[in-house]
Amino acid sequence: MGAGTAGHRARSTVRPNSETTRRTPIRTFLHTDDGVTVDSVYDPAAVVYDASRPSAGDLVFVVAHGFTGDVDKPHVRRVAQALTRHAAVVTFSFRGHGASGGRSTVGDREVLDLAAAVRWARELGHTRVATVGFSMGGSVVLRHAALYGRPGVGDAEIGSSGRGGAGTDAVVSVSAPARWYYRGTPRMRRLHWLVTRPEGRLVGRYGFRTRIHHRRWDPVPMSPVRAAGHIAPTPLLIVHGELDGYFPLDHPRMLADAAGDHGELWLEPRMGHAEHAATDDLLARIGDWAAGRAG
């Protein structure tokens, strides 16, 4: 699952004009720098703009789902609809998930998928971008912010199109791991079986609509905890449930320690893991936080 050589610059197959940019939902396929098609959806903001407060019209959330999710899954749609109360939202299916092409590399090459979605959001006219990731997507938003925000950090992972238009203005990482290869909980041991065993990958393909690459990482990508240390000065929010069954609390604490003063940590009582456990109240607080920090 190495980085390889990047392909064409990400571009959408739809170019809405300024009259439809913030009013009309759009669905299209984007093309990543390494040539993978990514199923993507744009939902305009549902908020009423008020001249007495900063406009949300220039802000967009780009949502990165967890492993085995996709843009049509109910829990992903619920997150998107909740965030449209604050600003426009771009959702997409990672490679190997749903209708997107390619195969999942479980957080490695997925950073290129997120970069394509961010570029598209900016092409649609949004000047402020907040990336919001859950579980695997939470690790991807951390690496994306480090790679596309700091020249010289992981240049080989980005590819020929470089950073142009793919940076983010605020990062929210929910239920993310701090380190790779963690097997300390039963759920993570089951996930490793799903990813590493041929019979597990068959279950992924036919049971979860997730096509998983058979190759192991080579080289191993930058870890989430290392990435967290390279995100500053971009604002970073780390959210984790105290009842998370995948990653215990040492993971978010490691991420927060690595982020230093530019990171903020919310440990949520009675919360489990990722999108399924994110309440409407939590999503509203995340929306408020990002709207106030993104640029």
Protein backbone atom coordinates (compact mmCIF):
# COMPACT_ATOMS: atom_id res chain seq x y z
CA MET A 1 0.00 0.00 0.00
CA GLY A 2 2.79 2.37 -0.83
CA ALA A 3 2.40 5.90 -2.05
CA GLY A 4 3.53 5.35 -5.62
CA THR A 5 3.31 8.05 -8.27
CA ALA A 6 0.33 10.36 -8.29
CA GLY A 7 -1.83 10.72 -11.36
CA HIS A 8 -4.06 13.48 -12.65
CA ARG A 9 -5.14 16.43 -10.59
CA ALA A 10 -8.50 15.89 -8.91
CA ARG A 11 -11.39 17.42 -10.80
CA SER A 12 -15.16 17.06 -10.76
CA THR A 13 -17.30 16.07 -13.71
CA VAL A 14 -19.77 18.84 -12.82
CA ARG A 15 -18.96 22.55 -12.82
CA PRO A 16 -21.92 24.38 -11.23
CA ASN A 17 -22.20 28.10 -11.87
CA SER A 18 -22.39 30.66 -9.11
CA GLU A 19 -26.19 30.71 -9.20
CA THR A 20 -26.42 27.07 -8.11
CA THR A 21 -23.34 26.72 -5.94
CA ARG A 22 -25.03 27.05 -2.57
CA ARG A 23 -28.60 26.10 -3.37
CA THR A 24 -28.60 22.81 -5.26
CA PRO A 25 -27.38 19.36 -4.11
CA ILE A 26 -24.83 17.90 -6.50
CA ARG A 27 -23.61 14.32 -6.95
CA THR A 28 -20.58 13.53 -9.06
CA PHE A 29 -17.40 11.47 -9.30
CA LEU A 30 -14.05 13.09 -8.56
CA HIS A 31 -10.68 11.81 -9.76
CA THR A 32 -7.83 11.55 -7.29
CA ASP A 33 -4.19 12.22 -8.06
CA ASP A 34 -3.61 8.49 -8.47
CA GLY A 35 -6.59 8.02 -10.81
CA VAL A 36 -9.27 6.61 -8.48
CA THR A 37 -12.89 7.70 -8.94
CA VAL A 38 -14.53 8.95 -5.75
CA ASP A 39 -18.32 9.14 -5.41
CA SER A 40 -19.07 12.57 -3.88
CA VAL A 41 -22.10 14.58 -2.77
CA TYR A 42 -22.49 18.31 -2.11
CA ASP A 43 -25.32 19.44 0.19
CA PRO A 44 -25.91 23.19 0.45
CA ALA A 45 -26.28 24.79 3.85
CA ALA A 46 -29.72 24.71 5.42
CA VAL A 47 -29.02 27.80 7.55
CA VAL A 48 -30.66 31.18 7.00
CA TYR A 49 -27.92 33.75 6.50
CA ASP A 50 -27.96 36.61 8.98
CA ALA A 51 -26.09 39.85 8.32
CA SER A 52 -25.59 40.33 12.07
CA ARG A 53 -23.22 37.35 12.34
CA PRO A 54 -20.33 35.99 10.26
CA SER A 55 -21.72 34.32 7.15
CA ALA A 56 -21.53 30.55 6.87
CA GLY A 57 -21.75 30.89 3.09
CA ASP A 58 -18.00 30.66 2.60
CA LEU A 59 -17.60 27.65 4.94
CA VAL A 60 -17.92 24.01 3.94
CA PHE A 61 -17.52 20.82 5.96
CA VAL A 62 -15.80 17.91 4.22
CA VAL A 63 -16.79 14.72 6.03
CA ALA A 64 -14.54 11.62 6.03
CA HIS A 65 -16.45 8.51 7.09
CA GLY A 66 -15.23 5.49 9.01
CA PHE A 67 -14.14 2.11 7.64
CA THR A 68 -17.01 0.23 5.86
CA GLY A 69 -19.07 3.43 5.63
CA ASP A 70 -20.02 5.19 2.41
CA VAL A 71 -21.80 8.30 1.26
CA ASP A 72 -25.22 6.57 1.21
CA LYS A 73 -25.06 4.93 4.62
CA PRO A 74 -27.73 6.33 6.98
CA HIS A 75 -25.23 7.24 9.70
CA VAL A 76 -23.13 9.23 7.19
CA ARG A 77 -26.20 11.01 5.81
CA ARG A 78 -27.30 11.87 9.36
CA VAL A 79 -23.96 13.53 10.09
CA ALA A 80 -24.14 15.47 6.83
CA GLN A 81 -27.67 16.71 7.50
CA ALA A 82 -26.76 17.78 11.02
CA LEU A 83 -23.80 19.81 9.77
CA THR A 84 -25.83 21.54 7.03
CA ARG A 85 -27.45 23.50 9.85
CA HIS A 86 -24.11 25.31 10.10
CA ALA A 87 -22.71 25.33 6.56
CA ALA A 88 -22.56 23.41 3.28
CA VAL A 89 -21.30 19.81 3.43
CA VAL A 90 -19.30 17.60 1.07
CA THR A 91 -19.45 13.87 1.74
CA PHE A 92 -17.74 11.16 -0.29
CA SER A 93 -17.06 7.43 -0.27
CA PHE A 94 -13.44 6.47 0.31
CA ARG A 95 -11.81 4.26 -2.33
CA GLY A 96 -13.05 0.69 -2.17
CA HIS A 97 -16.26 1.80 -0.43
CA GLY A 98 -19.71 1.99 -2.02
CA ALA A 99 -19.68 3.25 -5.61
CA SER A 100 -16.12 4.64 -5.49
CA GLY A 101 -13.41 2.89 -7.45
CA GLY A 102 -10.24 1.23 -6.27
CA ARG A 103 -9.66 -0.74 -3.10
CA SER A 104 -9.41 0.40 0.48
CA THR A 105 -5.92 0.83 1.89
CA VAL A 106 -7.42 1.37 5.38
CA GLY A 107 -6.20 4.94 5.82
CA ASP A 108 -3.07 5.15 3.65
CA ARG A 109 -3.98 6.33 0.11
CA GLU A 110 -7.30 7.63 1.40
CA VAL A 111 -5.58 10.95 2.09
CA LEU A 112 -5.70 11.51 -1.70
CA ASP A 113 -9.47 10.94 -1.69
CA LEU A 114 -9.90 13.61 0.98
CA ALA A 115 -7.63 16.01 -0.92
CA ALA A 116 -9.80 15.58 -4.03
CA ALA A 117 -12.94 16.35 -2.02
CA VAL A 118 -11.38 19.45 -0.46
CA ARG A 119 -10.27 20.75 -3.86
CA TRP A 120 -13.80 20.23 -5.19
CA ALA A 121 -15.27 22.11 -2.24
CA ARG A 122 -13.03 25.07 -3.01
CA GLU A 123 -13.88 24.88 -6.72
CA LEU A 124 -17.52 25.27 -5.67
CA GLY A 125 -16.64 28.67 -4.25
CA HIS A 126 -16.02 27.97 -0.56
CA THR A 127 -13.04 29.81 0.92
CA ARG A 128 -13.07 28.10 4.33
CA VAL A 129 -12.89 24.32 4.74
CA ALA A 130 -13.28 22.28 7.92
CA THR A 131 -12.48 18.57 7.62
CA VAL A 132 -14.40 16.26 9.96
CA GLY A 133 -13.32 12.61 10.15
CA PHE A 134 -14.60 9.58 12.05
CA SER A 135 -12.51 6.54 13.09
CA MET A 136 -10.45 5.67 9.96
CA GLY A 137 -11.59 9.01 8.54
CA GLY A 138 -10.39 10.62 11.77
CA SER A 139 -6.89 9.35 11.10
CA VAL A 140 -7.11 10.50 7.48
CA VAL A 141 -8.06 14.10 8.38
CA LEU A 142 -5.05 14.25 10.72
CA ARG A 143 -2.62 13.04 8.07
CA HIS A 144 -4.22 15.22 5.40
CA ALA A 145 -3.84 18.36 7.54
CA ALA A 146 -0.19 17.56 8.23
CA LEU A 147 0.68 16.62 4.64
CA TYR A 148 -1.17 19.41 2.85
CA GLY A 149 -0.57 22.16 5.37
CA ARG A 150 3.17 21.97 6.00
CA PRO A 151 5.60 21.97 3.03
CA GLY A 152 8.31 19.38 3.47
CA VAL A 153 6.16 17.09 5.63
CA GLY A 154 5.56 13.82 3.81
CA ASP A 155 6.00 15.28 0.32
CA ALA A 156 6.29 11.81 -1.22
CA GLU A 157 2.77 10.93 -0.05
CA ILE A 158 1.11 13.87 -1.81
CA GLY A 159 2.00 13.41 -5.46
CA SER A 160 2.45 15.54 -8.53
CA SER A 161 -0.48 17.92 -7.98
CA GLY A 162 1.01 19.13 -4.70
CA ARG A 163 -0.94 21.04 -2.10
CA GLY A 164 -2.71 23.52 -4.34
CA GLY A 165 -6.28 24.05 -3.16
CA ALA A 166 -6.31 20.95 -0.94
CA GLY A 167 -5.46 22.46 2.45
CA THR A 168 -7.90 22.73 5.34
CA ASP A 169 -8.65 25.59 7.75
CA ALA A 170 -9.80 23.51 10.73
CA VAL A 171 -9.68 19.80 11.62
CA VAL A 172 -12.05 17.67 13.70
CA SER A 173 -10.94 14.09 14.39
CA VAL A 174 -13.53 11.85 16.07
CA SER A 175 -12.76 8.38 17.50
CA ALA A 176 -9.41 8.14 15.73
CA PRO A 177 -6.52 5.83 16.56
CA ALA A 178 -3.24 7.37 17.64
CA ARG A 179 -1.03 4.56 16.34
CA TRP A 180 -1.18 1.88 13.69
CA TYR A 181 -1.58 -1.89 14.17
CA TYR A 182 -3.44 -1.55 17.47
CA ARG A 183 -5.00 -4.89 18.51
CA GLY A 184 -5.74 -4.22 22.16
CA THR A 185 -9.53 -4.64 21.99
CA PRO A 186 -11.66 -7.52 20.65
CA ARG A 187 -13.22 -5.25 18.03
CA MET A 188 -9.81 -4.24 16.68
CA ARG A 189 -8.70 -7.86 16.56
CA ARG A 190 -11.79 -8.65 14.48
CA LEU A 191 -11.05 -5.69 12.21
CA HIS A 192 -7.49 -6.90 11.65
CA TRP A 193 -8.87 -10.31 10.66
CA LEU A 194 -11.19 -8.59 8.18
CA VAL A 195 -8.31 -6.65 6.61
CA THR A 196 -5.47 -9.17 6.66
CA ARG A 197 -7.12 -12.51 5.91
CA PRO A 198 -8.46 -13.53 2.46
CA GLU A 199 -11.68 -14.82 4.01
CA GLY A 200 -12.00 -11.56 5.96
CA ARG A 201 -11.67 -9.51 2.78
CA LEU A 202 -14.46 -11.60 1.23
CA VAL A 203 -16.67 -10.71 4.19
CA GLY A 204 -15.73 -7.06 3.67
CA ARG A 205 -16.61 -7.18 -0.03
CA TYR A 206 -19.95 -8.98 0.20
CA GLY A 207 -21.02 -8.11 3.72
CA PHE A 208 -19.98 -4.45 3.94
CA ARG A 209 -19.60 -3.31 0.29
CA THR A 210 -15.94 -2.62 1.08
CA ARG A 211 -13.21 -3.87 -1.24
CA ILE A 212 -9.95 -4.13 0.70
CA HIS A 213 -6.51 -4.13 -0.90
CA HIS A 214 -4.53 -7.32 -0.28
CA ARG A 215 -1.11 -5.62 -0.13
CA ARG A 216 0.40 -4.51 3.16
CA TRP A 217 1.63 -0.95 3.61
CA ASP A 218 5.05 -0.31 2.07
CA PRO A 219 6.17 2.14 3.28
CA VAL A 220 4.12 2.53 6.44
CA PRO A 221 2.37 5.94 6.30
CA MET A 222 2.89 8.67 8.87
CA SER A 223 1.12 7.71 12.10
CA PRO A 224 -1.83 9.80 13.34
CA VAL A 225 0.06 10.83 16.47
CA ARG A 226 3.02 12.04 14.44
CA ALA A 227 0.66 13.89 12.10
CA ALA A 228 -1.01 15.62 15.05
CA GLY A 229 2.34 17.19 15.87
CA HIS A 230 2.61 18.74 12.39
CA ILE A 231 -0.86 20.32 12.08
CA ALA A 232 -0.22 23.60 13.93
CA PRO A 233 -1.14 26.39 13.44
CA THR A 234 -4.33 24.86 11.96
CA PRO A 235 -6.91 24.49 14.76
CA LEU A 236 -7.48 20.86 15.77
CA LEU A 237 -10.32 19.32 17.78
CA ILE A 238 -9.99 15.74 19.02
CA VAL A 239 -13.25 14.07 20.10
CA HIS A 240 -13.43 10.65 21.73
CA GLY A 241 -16.06 8.65 23.57
CA GLU A 242 -15.28 7.41 27.06
CA LEU A 243 -17.07 4.15 26.13
CA ASP A 244 -15.26 3.64 22.80
CA GLY A 245 -14.99 -0.09 22.19
CA TYR A 246 -12.23 0.18 19.58
CA PHE A 247 -9.66 2.62 20.95
CA PRO A 248 -9.21 3.33 24.69
CA LEU A 249 -8.60 6.80 26.07
CA ASP A 250 -4.83 6.68 25.77
CA HIS A 251 -5.31 7.22 22.02
CA PRO A 252 -7.00 10.65 22.16
CA ARG A 253 -4.71 11.72 24.98
CA MET A 254 -1.66 10.86 22.90
CA LEU A 255 -3.07 12.86 19.99
CA ALA A 256 -3.82 15.85 22.21
CA ASP A 257 -0.35 15.76 23.77
CA ALA A 258 1.23 15.67 20.31
CA ALA A 259 -0.91 18.59 19.13
CA GLY A 260 0.11 20.79 22.05
CA ASP A 261 -1.49 24.21 22.43
CA HIS A 262 -3.11 24.05 18.99
CA GLY A 263 -5.18 20.99 19.91
CA GLU A 264 -8.37 20.76 21.95
CA LEU A 265 -9.62 17.50 23.49
CA TRP A 266 -13.24 16.60 24.22
CA LEU A 267 -13.77 13.34 26.10
CA GLU A 268 -17.47 12.56 25.80
CA PRO A 269 -19.20 10.65 28.65
CA ARG A 270 -21.47 7.77 27.59
CA MET A 271 -20.28 8.01 23.98
CA GLY A 272 -19.18 4.95 22.05
CA HIS A 273 -17.44 4.92 18.67
CA ALA A 274 -17.59 7.23 15.63
CA GLU A 275 -20.66 8.31 13.63
CA HIS A 276 -23.08 5.84 15.19
CA ALA A 277 -22.33 7.24 18.65
CA ALA A 278 -22.26 10.94 17.73
CA THR A 279 -25.40 12.55 19.11
CA ASP A 280 -27.16 15.48 17.47
CA ASP A 281 -25.97 17.65 20.37
CA LEU A 282 -22.34 16.64 19.79
CA LEU A 283 -22.61 17.29 16.05
CA ALA A 284 -24.09 20.72 16.79
CA ARG A 285 -21.17 21.53 19.10
CA ILE A 286 -18.69 20.32 16.49
CA GLY A 287 -20.39 22.52 13.90
CA ASP A 288 -20.20 25.56 16.21
CA TRP A 289 -16.54 24.87 17.03
CA ALA A 290 -15.51 24.52 13.39
CA ALA A 291 -17.48 27.55 12.23
CA GLY A 292 -15.68 29.64 14.83
CA ARG A 293 -12.17 28.29 14.18
CA ALA A 294 -11.98 27.80 10.41
CA GLY A 295 -10.11 30.87 9.19
